[in-house]
Amino acid sequence: MDQPLITVAIIGAGPLGRRLALRAAQAGFRVFLEDVMPANLRHAEESLRTALSEENMPLVRFVSTVEDAVREADIAIDCVPDELESKLEIFCLLDRMSPPRTVFATPTTNLSIADLASCTYRPTQCVAIALAASRLALDPAVEPLIPICITPQTSVAAQTLITDFFVALGYHAQLSLDAAIPLR
């Protein structure tokens, strides 16, 4: 029996979002790539049409609203600036518009995933990719390790889904507890 196709919503079609969309489609994930800037979305579409095979290109959809991106998402990855206001805004949108099963992943080096997760109705489904978006080289030959920060509340299912996603992209996912959480 075939496994169900995992759907990944990527919010932001800048360089990081494009690289994630490319790698996810190459790995066989269904991808919804969103950007509010039409020029970013057009540039991403041109770039991905050049880079992806005819077999993988149909896996990618280009959408202009967060709601369209996350409607069917199993994983939502935001590629917005690593600033508190931006992250809070996107987490609120994702929380309101995503199906209950959706796991949120955010690239950050500055913010606590525990703090961001506490602002949602699903703190058990939030993780951080502990690298700066600008440094996240999505080439396994360059950076094969993806540090993933979790909280004590992060569910095993969320940890497994995110870990399996990055492993499918060719990385080694390393889970760690959010450093902002005091150890007891």
N, C-alpha and C. Protein backbone atom coordinates (compact mmCIF):
# COMPACT_ATOMS: atom_id res chain seq x y z
N MET A 1 0.85 -1.18 0.00
CA MET A 1 0.00 0.00 0.00
C MET A 1 0.89 1.24 0.00
N ASP A 2 0.60 2.20 -0.87
CA ASP A 2 1.37 3.44 -0.94
C ASP A 2 1.08 4.31 0.27
N GLN A 3 2.13 5.01 0.73
CA GLN A 3 1.94 5.96 1.81
C GLN A 3 1.24 7.20 1.26
N PRO A 4 0.42 7.87 2.09
CA PRO A 4 -0.22 9.09 1.61
C PRO A 4 0.84 10.16 1.32
N LEU A 5 0.55 10.98 0.33
CA LEU A 5 1.46 12.05 -0.05
C LEU A 5 1.43 13.13 1.03
N ILE A 6 2.60 13.47 1.55
CA ILE A 6 2.72 14.52 2.57
C ILE A 6 2.71 15.88 1.86
N THR A 7 1.94 16.81 2.41
CA THR A 7 1.85 18.15 1.85
C THR A 7 2.60 19.13 2.73
N VAL A 8 3.47 19.91 2.08
CA VAL A 8 4.30 20.90 2.78
C VAL A 8 3.93 22.28 2.26
N ALA A 9 3.55 23.17 3.17
CA ALA A 9 3.31 24.57 2.83
C ALA A 9 4.56 25.34 3.19
N ILE A 10 5.06 26.10 2.24
CA ILE A 10 6.24 26.93 2.48
C ILE A 10 5.81 28.38 2.30
N ILE A 11 5.93 29.14 3.38
CA ILE A 11 5.47 30.52 3.38
C ILE A 11 6.68 31.42 3.14
N GLY A 12 6.73 32.00 1.96
CA GLY A 12 7.84 32.85 1.57
C GLY A 12 8.62 32.20 0.44
N ALA A 13 8.63 32.84 -0.73
CA ALA A 13 9.27 32.27 -1.92
C ALA A 13 10.61 32.94 -2.22
N GLY A 14 11.26 33.43 -1.17
CA GLY A 14 12.61 33.97 -1.34
C GLY A 14 13.60 32.83 -1.52
N PRO A 15 14.88 33.11 -1.40
CA PRO A 15 15.89 32.06 -1.63
C PRO A 15 15.70 30.81 -0.78
N LEU A 16 15.43 30.97 0.51
CA LEU A 16 15.24 29.81 1.37
C LEU A 16 13.98 29.03 0.98
N GLY A 17 12.89 29.73 0.77
CA GLY A 17 11.64 29.07 0.38
C GLY A 17 11.78 28.31 -0.93
N ARG A 18 12.46 28.91 -1.89
CA ARG A 18 12.68 28.24 -3.18
C ARG A 18 13.53 26.99 -3.01
N ARG A 19 14.60 27.09 -2.21
CA ARG A 19 15.45 25.91 -2.00
C ARG A 19 14.69 24.79 -1.29
N LEU A 20 13.91 25.16 -0.30
CA LEU A 20 13.10 24.14 0.39
C LEU A 20 12.09 23.51 -0.56
N ALA A 21 11.42 24.33 -1.35
CA ALA A 21 10.42 23.81 -2.30
C ALA A 21 11.07 22.86 -3.31
N LEU A 22 12.23 23.23 -3.81
CA LEU A 22 12.94 22.40 -4.76
C LEU A 22 13.29 21.05 -4.15
N ARG A 23 13.92 21.07 -2.98
CA ARG A 23 14.34 19.82 -2.35
C ARG A 23 13.13 18.96 -1.96
N ALA A 24 12.06 19.59 -1.49
CA ALA A 24 10.87 18.83 -1.10
C ALA A 24 10.22 18.17 -2.31
N ALA A 25 10.09 18.90 -3.40
CA ALA A 25 9.50 18.32 -4.62
C ALA A 25 10.38 17.20 -5.16
N GLN A 26 11.69 17.40 -5.15
CA GLN A 26 12.61 16.35 -5.61
C GLN A 26 12.48 15.09 -4.76
N ALA A 27 12.14 15.26 -3.48
CA ALA A 27 11.96 14.12 -2.57
C ALA A 27 10.57 13.50 -2.67
N GLY A 28 9.70 14.10 -3.49
CA GLY A 28 8.37 13.53 -3.71
C GLY A 28 7.26 14.08 -2.84
N PHE A 29 7.51 15.19 -2.14
CA PHE A 29 6.47 15.83 -1.33
C PHE A 29 5.63 16.75 -2.22
N ARG A 30 4.37 16.89 -1.89
CA ARG A 30 3.52 17.89 -2.54
C ARG A 30 3.82 19.22 -1.85
N VAL A 31 4.04 20.28 -2.61
CA VAL A 31 4.48 21.57 -2.07
C VAL A 31 3.54 22.68 -2.51
N PHE A 32 3.15 23.51 -1.56
CA PHE A 32 2.44 24.75 -1.85
C PHE A 32 3.38 25.87 -1.44
N LEU A 33 3.85 26.64 -2.40
CA LEU A 33 4.78 27.73 -2.15
C LEU A 33 4.01 29.04 -2.23
N GLU A 34 4.07 29.82 -1.15
CA GLU A 34 3.30 31.06 -1.05
C GLU A 34 4.21 32.25 -0.89
N ASP A 35 3.81 33.35 -1.50
CA ASP A 35 4.45 34.63 -1.25
C ASP A 35 3.44 35.72 -1.56
N VAL A 36 3.43 36.75 -0.74
CA VAL A 36 2.51 37.86 -0.97
C VAL A 36 2.99 38.77 -2.11
N MET A 37 4.27 38.66 -2.45
CA MET A 37 4.83 39.47 -3.53
C MET A 37 4.76 38.68 -4.83
N PRO A 38 3.92 39.11 -5.79
CA PRO A 38 3.79 38.38 -7.05
C PRO A 38 5.12 38.18 -7.77
N ALA A 39 6.02 39.16 -7.71
CA ALA A 39 7.31 39.03 -8.39
C ALA A 39 8.14 37.89 -7.78
N ASN A 40 8.10 37.74 -6.46
CA ASN A 40 8.83 36.64 -5.81
C ASN A 40 8.28 35.29 -6.26
N LEU A 41 6.96 35.22 -6.36
CA LEU A 41 6.33 33.96 -6.77
C LEU A 41 6.66 33.63 -8.22
N ARG A 42 6.63 34.64 -9.09
CA ARG A 42 6.99 34.42 -10.51
C ARG A 42 8.45 33.96 -10.63
N HIS A 43 9.32 34.62 -9.89
CA HIS A 43 10.74 34.26 -9.92
C HIS A 43 10.93 32.82 -9.43
N ALA A 44 10.23 32.46 -8.37
CA ALA A 44 10.30 31.10 -7.84
C ALA A 44 9.79 30.09 -8.86
N GLU A 45 8.70 30.41 -9.52
CA GLU A 45 8.15 29.48 -10.52
C GLU A 45 9.14 29.29 -11.68
N GLU A 46 9.72 30.38 -12.16
CA GLU A 46 10.71 30.27 -13.24
C GLU A 46 11.90 29.42 -12.81
N SER A 47 12.37 29.67 -11.61
CA SER A 47 13.53 28.95 -11.08
C SER A 47 13.23 27.45 -10.93
N LEU A 48 12.08 27.13 -10.37
CA LEU A 48 11.73 25.73 -10.14
C LEU A 48 11.41 24.99 -11.45
N ARG A 49 10.80 25.67 -12.40
CA ARG A 49 10.53 25.03 -13.69
C ARG A 49 11.84 24.64 -14.38
N THR A 50 12.88 25.43 -14.20
CA THR A 50 14.19 25.12 -14.77
C THR A 50 14.86 23.97 -14.02
N ALA A 51 14.71 23.94 -12.70
CA ALA A 51 15.44 22.99 -11.86
C ALA A 51 14.77 21.63 -11.70
N LEU A 52 13.44 21.58 -11.80
CA LEU A 52 12.73 20.34 -11.54
C LEU A 52 12.46 19.55 -12.80
N SER A 53 12.38 18.25 -12.63
CA SER A 53 12.04 17.38 -13.75
C SER A 53 10.54 17.50 -14.06
N GLU A 54 10.15 17.01 -15.22
CA GLU A 54 8.73 17.01 -15.59
C GLU A 54 7.92 16.18 -14.61
N GLU A 55 8.55 15.18 -14.03
CA GLU A 55 7.88 14.31 -13.06
C GLU A 55 7.60 15.03 -11.75
N ASN A 56 8.54 15.87 -11.30
CA ASN A 56 8.41 16.53 -10.01
C ASN A 56 7.69 17.88 -10.06
N MET A 57 7.72 18.56 -11.18
CA MET A 57 7.12 19.89 -11.27
C MET A 57 5.63 19.89 -10.91
N PRO A 58 4.85 18.88 -11.30
CA PRO A 58 3.43 18.89 -10.92
C PRO A 58 3.18 18.82 -9.41
N LEU A 59 4.20 18.49 -8.64
CA LEU A 59 4.04 18.43 -7.19
C LEU A 59 4.00 19.82 -6.56
N VAL A 60 4.41 20.85 -7.31
CA VAL A 60 4.51 22.20 -6.76
C VAL A 60 3.35 23.06 -7.25
N ARG A 61 2.73 23.75 -6.30
CA ARG A 61 1.69 24.73 -6.61
C ARG A 61 2.16 26.08 -6.07
N PHE A 62 1.91 27.14 -6.83
CA PHE A 62 2.29 28.49 -6.44
C PHE A 62 1.02 29.23 -6.06
N VAL A 63 0.96 29.73 -4.84
CA VAL A 63 -0.26 30.38 -4.34
C VAL A 63 0.09 31.73 -3.72
N SER A 64 -0.90 32.62 -3.68
CA SER A 64 -0.65 33.98 -3.21
C SER A 64 -1.22 34.28 -1.83
N THR A 65 -1.83 33.27 -1.18
CA THR A 65 -2.33 33.51 0.18
C THR A 65 -1.88 32.38 1.10
N VAL A 66 -1.68 32.73 2.36
CA VAL A 66 -1.32 31.73 3.37
C VAL A 66 -2.43 30.70 3.46
N GLU A 67 -3.67 31.14 3.42
CA GLU A 67 -4.81 30.21 3.51
C GLU A 67 -4.75 29.14 2.42
N ASP A 68 -4.47 29.54 1.19
CA ASP A 68 -4.37 28.56 0.10
C ASP A 68 -3.18 27.62 0.31
N ALA A 69 -2.11 28.14 0.88
CA ALA A 69 -0.92 27.32 1.08
C ALA A 69 -1.13 26.24 2.14
N VAL A 70 -1.80 26.58 3.22
CA VAL A 70 -1.88 25.66 4.36
C VAL A 70 -3.15 24.83 4.42
N ARG A 71 -4.07 25.06 3.53
CA ARG A 71 -5.38 24.39 3.57
C ARG A 71 -5.25 22.87 3.75
N GLU A 72 -4.27 22.24 3.10
CA GLU A 72 -4.11 20.79 3.15
C GLU A 72 -2.77 20.38 3.78
N ALA A 73 -2.10 21.31 4.43
CA ALA A 73 -0.73 21.08 4.87
C ALA A 73 -0.61 20.11 6.04
N ASP A 74 0.37 19.24 5.93
CA ASP A 74 0.78 18.41 7.05
C ASP A 74 1.91 19.11 7.81
N ILE A 75 2.74 19.85 7.05
CA ILE A 75 3.84 20.64 7.60
C ILE A 75 3.75 22.04 7.01
N ALA A 76 3.91 23.06 7.85
CA ALA A 76 3.98 24.45 7.38
C ALA A 76 5.32 25.01 7.84
N ILE A 77 6.11 25.48 6.89
CA ILE A 77 7.41 26.06 7.19
C ILE A 77 7.38 27.52 6.79
N ASP A 78 7.62 28.39 7.76
CA ASP A 78 7.64 29.81 7.40
C ASP A 78 9.06 30.24 7.08
N CYS A 79 9.18 31.05 6.08
CA CYS A 79 10.48 31.60 5.67
C CYS A 79 10.42 33.12 5.75
N VAL A 80 9.82 33.61 6.82
CA VAL A 80 9.71 35.04 7.06
C VAL A 80 10.91 35.50 7.87
N PRO A 81 11.16 36.82 7.95
CA PRO A 81 12.31 37.31 8.71
C PRO A 81 12.30 36.80 10.15
N ASP A 82 13.49 36.57 10.68
CA ASP A 82 13.65 36.04 12.03
C ASP A 82 13.53 37.16 13.05
N GLU A 83 12.34 37.73 13.11
CA GLU A 83 12.01 38.82 14.02
C GLU A 83 10.73 38.45 14.74
N LEU A 84 10.64 38.80 16.00
CA LEU A 84 9.51 38.39 16.82
C LEU A 84 8.17 38.76 16.20
N GLU A 85 8.02 39.99 15.72
CA GLU A 85 6.74 40.42 15.18
C GLU A 85 6.35 39.59 13.95
N SER A 86 7.30 39.33 13.07
CA SER A 86 7.03 38.54 11.87
C SER A 86 6.65 37.12 12.23
N LYS A 87 7.38 36.52 13.15
CA LYS A 87 7.11 35.14 13.55
C LYS A 87 5.76 35.02 14.25
N LEU A 88 5.45 35.97 15.14
CA LEU A 88 4.16 35.92 15.83
C LEU A 88 3.01 36.07 14.85
N GLU A 89 3.17 36.98 13.91
CA GLU A 89 2.11 37.18 12.91
C GLU A 89 1.89 35.92 12.08
N ILE A 90 2.96 35.30 11.62
CA ILE A 90 2.78 34.12 10.78
C ILE A 90 2.26 32.94 11.60
N PHE A 91 2.73 32.78 12.84
CA PHE A 91 2.22 31.70 13.68
C PHE A 91 0.72 31.87 13.95
N CYS A 92 0.27 33.10 14.16
CA CYS A 92 -1.17 33.35 14.36
C CYS A 92 -1.96 32.98 13.10
N LEU A 93 -1.45 33.37 11.94
CA LEU A 93 -2.12 33.01 10.68
C LEU A 93 -2.15 31.50 10.47
N LEU A 94 -1.00 30.86 10.67
CA LEU A 94 -0.93 29.42 10.49
C LEU A 94 -1.88 28.71 11.46
N ASP A 95 -1.90 29.16 12.69
CA ASP A 95 -2.73 28.53 13.72
C ASP A 95 -4.21 28.64 13.36
N ARG A 96 -4.60 29.77 12.82
CA ARG A 96 -6.00 30.00 12.46
C ARG A 96 -6.41 29.27 11.18
N MET A 97 -5.50 29.12 10.23
CA MET A 97 -5.88 28.64 8.90
C MET A 97 -5.51 27.20 8.60
N SER A 98 -4.62 26.61 9.37
CA SER A 98 -4.15 25.25 9.09
C SER A 98 -5.08 24.20 9.68
N PRO A 99 -5.11 23.02 9.07
CA PRO A 99 -5.84 21.92 9.69
C PRO A 99 -5.22 21.58 11.05
N PRO A 100 -5.98 20.98 11.94
CA PRO A 100 -5.45 20.66 13.27
C PRO A 100 -4.20 19.79 13.27
N ARG A 101 -4.00 18.99 12.24
CA ARG A 101 -2.84 18.08 12.20
C ARG A 101 -1.53 18.77 11.82
N THR A 102 -1.59 19.99 11.28
CA THR A 102 -0.42 20.66 10.72
C THR A 102 0.65 20.96 11.78
N VAL A 103 1.88 20.60 11.46
CA VAL A 103 3.03 20.88 12.30
C VAL A 103 3.71 22.14 11.76
N PHE A 104 4.04 23.07 12.64
CA PHE A 104 4.70 24.31 12.26
C PHE A 104 6.20 24.19 12.50
N ALA A 105 6.99 24.57 11.50
CA ALA A 105 8.45 24.59 11.63
C ALA A 105 8.93 25.97 11.23
N THR A 106 9.80 26.54 12.03
CA THR A 106 10.28 27.89 11.75
C THR A 106 11.80 27.96 11.87
N PRO A 107 12.48 28.45 10.84
CA PRO A 107 13.92 28.68 10.96
C PRO A 107 14.16 29.88 11.87
N THR A 108 14.93 29.68 12.92
CA THR A 108 15.25 30.79 13.82
C THR A 108 16.51 30.49 14.61
N THR A 109 17.25 31.54 14.90
CA THR A 109 18.37 31.44 15.82
C THR A 109 18.18 32.40 16.98
N ASN A 110 17.21 33.29 16.83
CA ASN A 110 17.02 34.36 17.81
C ASN A 110 15.87 34.13 18.79
N LEU A 111 14.93 33.30 18.42
CA LEU A 111 13.69 33.20 19.18
C LEU A 111 13.50 31.82 19.79
N SER A 112 12.78 31.80 20.88
CA SER A 112 12.48 30.55 21.57
C SER A 112 11.25 29.91 20.95
N ILE A 113 11.37 28.65 20.55
CA ILE A 113 10.21 27.95 20.01
C ILE A 113 9.16 27.73 21.10
N ALA A 114 9.60 27.60 22.32
CA ALA A 114 8.64 27.44 23.42
C ALA A 114 7.77 28.69 23.54
N ASP A 115 8.38 29.86 23.42
CA ASP A 115 7.61 31.11 23.49
C ASP A 115 6.66 31.23 22.30
N LEU A 116 7.15 30.95 21.09
CA LEU A 116 6.28 31.02 19.91
C LEU A 116 5.16 30.01 20.00
N ALA A 117 5.47 28.79 20.41
CA ALA A 117 4.46 27.73 20.50
C ALA A 117 3.38 28.08 21.52
N SER A 118 3.78 28.77 22.58
CA SER A 118 2.79 29.12 23.62
C SER A 118 1.75 30.12 23.13
N CYS A 119 2.01 30.75 22.00
CA CYS A 119 1.07 31.71 21.41
C CYS A 119 0.08 31.03 20.46
N THR A 120 0.13 29.72 20.37
CA THR A 120 -0.76 28.98 19.48
C THR A 120 -1.69 28.09 20.28
N TYR A 121 -2.67 27.53 19.58
CA TYR A 121 -3.56 26.54 20.19
C TYR A 121 -3.00 25.14 20.03
N ARG A 122 -1.81 25.02 19.45
CA ARG A 122 -1.19 23.72 19.21
C ARG A 122 0.29 23.72 19.57
N PRO A 123 0.62 24.01 20.82
CA PRO A 123 2.03 24.05 21.21
C PRO A 123 2.73 22.69 21.05
N THR A 124 1.97 21.63 20.96
CA THR A 124 2.57 20.29 20.78
C THR A 124 3.05 20.06 19.36
N GLN A 125 2.74 20.99 18.44
CA GLN A 125 3.05 20.80 17.03
C GLN A 125 3.95 21.90 16.47
N CYS A 126 4.81 22.44 17.30
CA CYS A 126 5.70 23.51 16.87
C CYS A 126 7.15 23.12 17.11
N VAL A 127 7.98 23.35 16.10
CA VAL A 127 9.42 23.09 16.21
C VAL A 127 10.18 24.24 15.55
N ALA A 128 11.44 24.35 15.92
CA ALA A 128 12.30 25.36 15.29
C ALA A 128 13.44 24.66 14.58
N ILE A 129 13.79 25.19 13.44
CA ILE A 129 14.98 24.74 12.73
C ILE A 129 16.06 25.72 13.19
N ALA A 130 17.00 25.22 13.97
CA ALA A 130 17.93 26.09 14.70
C ALA A 130 19.09 26.57 13.85
N LEU A 131 18.78 27.15 12.73
CA LEU A 131 19.77 27.78 11.87
C LEU A 131 19.19 29.07 11.35
N ALA A 132 20.02 30.04 11.12
CA ALA A 132 19.55 31.27 10.49
C ALA A 132 19.14 30.93 9.07
N ALA A 133 18.02 31.49 8.65
CA ALA A 133 17.54 31.24 7.29
C ALA A 133 18.61 31.57 6.25
N SER A 134 19.39 32.60 6.52
CA SER A 134 20.42 32.99 5.55
C SER A 134 21.56 31.99 5.48
N ARG A 135 21.72 31.18 6.53
CA ARG A 135 22.81 30.21 6.57
C ARG A 135 22.34 28.80 6.26
N LEU A 136 21.05 28.58 6.12
CA LEU A 136 20.53 27.23 5.91
C LEU A 136 20.83 26.79 4.49
N ALA A 137 21.97 26.20 4.33
CA ALA A 137 22.38 25.70 3.02
C ALA A 137 21.67 24.39 2.80
N LEU A 138 20.78 24.35 1.85
CA LEU A 138 19.99 23.14 1.63
C LEU A 138 20.68 22.21 0.64
N ASP A 139 21.96 22.10 0.81
CA ASP A 139 22.76 21.17 0.04
C ASP A 139 23.42 20.23 1.04
N PRO A 140 22.98 18.96 1.09
CA PRO A 140 23.51 18.05 2.10
C PRO A 140 25.03 17.92 2.07
N ALA A 141 25.65 18.16 0.94
CA ALA A 141 27.10 18.08 0.87
C ALA A 141 27.75 19.21 1.68
N VAL A 142 27.02 20.31 1.85
CA VAL A 142 27.55 21.46 2.58
C VAL A 142 27.18 21.39 4.06
N GLU A 143 25.96 21.09 4.36
CA GLU A 143 25.48 21.10 5.75
C GLU A 143 24.53 19.93 5.97
N PRO A 144 25.07 18.74 6.26
CA PRO A 144 24.21 17.57 6.38
C PRO A 144 23.42 17.51 7.68
N LEU A 145 23.72 18.35 8.64
CA LEU A 145 23.06 18.32 9.94
C LEU A 145 22.02 19.43 10.02
N ILE A 146 20.81 19.07 10.38
CA ILE A 146 19.75 20.04 10.60
C ILE A 146 19.37 19.98 12.08
N PRO A 147 19.76 20.98 12.88
CA PRO A 147 19.35 21.01 14.28
C PRO A 147 17.88 21.42 14.40
N ILE A 148 17.11 20.63 15.10
CA ILE A 148 15.68 20.91 15.29
C ILE A 148 15.43 21.06 16.78
N CYS A 149 14.93 22.23 17.17
CA CYS A 149 14.63 22.50 18.58
C CYS A 149 13.17 22.16 18.87
N ILE A 150 12.99 21.46 19.96
CA ILE A 150 11.65 21.09 20.40
C ILE A 150 11.46 21.63 21.82
N THR A 151 10.25 21.48 22.32
CA THR A 151 9.94 21.83 23.71
C THR A 151 9.50 20.55 24.41
N PRO A 152 9.38 20.58 25.73
CA PRO A 152 8.86 19.40 26.43
C PRO A 152 7.45 19.03 25.97
N GLN A 153 6.73 20.00 25.41
CA GLN A 153 5.37 19.74 24.94
C GLN A 153 5.31 19.18 23.53
N THR A 154 6.37 19.29 22.75
CA THR A 154 6.33 18.83 21.36
C THR A 154 6.00 17.35 21.30
N SER A 155 4.97 17.02 20.56
CA SER A 155 4.53 15.62 20.49
C SER A 155 5.53 14.76 19.73
N VAL A 156 5.51 13.49 20.05
CA VAL A 156 6.36 12.53 19.35
C VAL A 156 5.98 12.50 17.87
N ALA A 157 4.70 12.61 17.56
CA ALA A 157 4.26 12.61 16.16
C ALA A 157 4.84 13.79 15.40
N ALA A 158 4.86 14.97 16.02
CA ALA A 158 5.43 16.16 15.36
C ALA A 158 6.93 15.99 15.17
N GLN A 159 7.61 15.48 16.20
CA GLN A 159 9.05 15.25 16.10
C GLN A 159 9.36 14.27 14.97
N THR A 160 8.58 13.21 14.88
CA THR A 160 8.80 12.18 13.86
C THR A 160 8.54 12.73 12.47
N LEU A 161 7.45 13.47 12.29
CA LEU A 161 7.12 14.02 10.97
C LEU A 161 8.22 14.95 10.47
N ILE A 162 8.69 15.86 11.32
CA ILE A 162 9.72 16.81 10.91
C ILE A 162 11.05 16.09 10.67
N THR A 163 11.40 15.18 11.55
CA THR A 163 12.64 14.42 11.37
C THR A 163 12.60 13.63 10.07
N ASP A 164 11.51 12.93 9.83
CA ASP A 164 11.36 12.15 8.59
C ASP A 164 11.41 13.04 7.36
N PHE A 165 10.84 14.24 7.44
CA PHE A 165 10.86 15.18 6.32
C PHE A 165 12.30 15.54 5.96
N PHE A 166 13.08 15.96 6.94
CA PHE A 166 14.46 16.36 6.65
C PHE A 166 15.33 15.17 6.25
N VAL A 167 15.08 14.01 6.81
CA VAL A 167 15.81 12.80 6.39
C VAL A 167 15.50 12.51 4.92
N ALA A 168 14.24 12.67 4.53
CA ALA A 168 13.87 12.45 3.12
C ALA A 168 14.55 13.44 2.19
N LEU A 169 14.89 14.62 2.72
CA LEU A 169 15.62 15.61 1.93
C LEU A 169 17.12 15.34 1.90
N GLY A 170 17.56 14.34 2.65
CA GLY A 170 18.97 13.96 2.63
C GLY A 170 19.79 14.48 3.79
N TYR A 171 19.16 14.90 4.86
CA TYR A 171 19.85 15.46 6.01
C TYR A 171 19.80 14.53 7.20
N HIS A 172 20.64 14.83 8.16
CA HIS A 172 20.59 14.19 9.46
C HIS A 172 19.92 15.19 10.39
N ALA A 173 18.77 14.84 10.93
CA ALA A 173 18.05 15.74 11.83
C ALA A 173 18.47 15.44 13.27
N GLN A 174 18.87 16.49 13.97
CA GLN A 174 19.30 16.34 15.36
C GLN A 174 18.34 17.12 16.24
N LEU A 175 17.61 16.41 17.09
CA LEU A 175 16.66 17.04 18.00
C LEU A 175 17.36 17.52 19.26
N SER A 176 16.95 18.71 19.72
CA SER A 176 17.46 19.22 21.00
C SER A 176 16.35 20.03 21.65
N LEU A 177 16.45 20.15 22.96
CA LEU A 177 15.48 20.92 23.71
C LEU A 177 15.79 22.41 23.57
N ASP A 178 14.75 23.22 23.43
CA ASP A 178 14.90 24.67 23.32
C ASP A 178 15.78 25.18 24.45
N ALA A 179 16.84 25.87 24.11
CA ALA A 179 17.81 26.36 25.09
C ALA A 179 17.20 27.38 26.05
N ALA A 180 16.09 28.00 25.67
CA ALA A 180 15.46 28.99 26.53
C ALA A 180 14.69 28.35 27.68
N ILE A 181 14.54 27.02 27.64
CA ILE A 181 13.79 26.32 28.69
C ILE A 181 14.76 25.92 29.79
N PRO A 182 14.53 26.36 31.01
CA PRO A 182 15.44 25.98 32.08
C PRO A 182 15.36 24.48 32.36
N LEU A 183 16.48 23.85 32.56
CA LEU A 183 16.51 22.44 32.90
C LEU A 183 16.18 22.29 34.38
N ARG A 184 15.47 21.24 34.70
CA ARG A 184 15.08 21.02 36.11
C ARG A 184 15.96 20.01 36.75
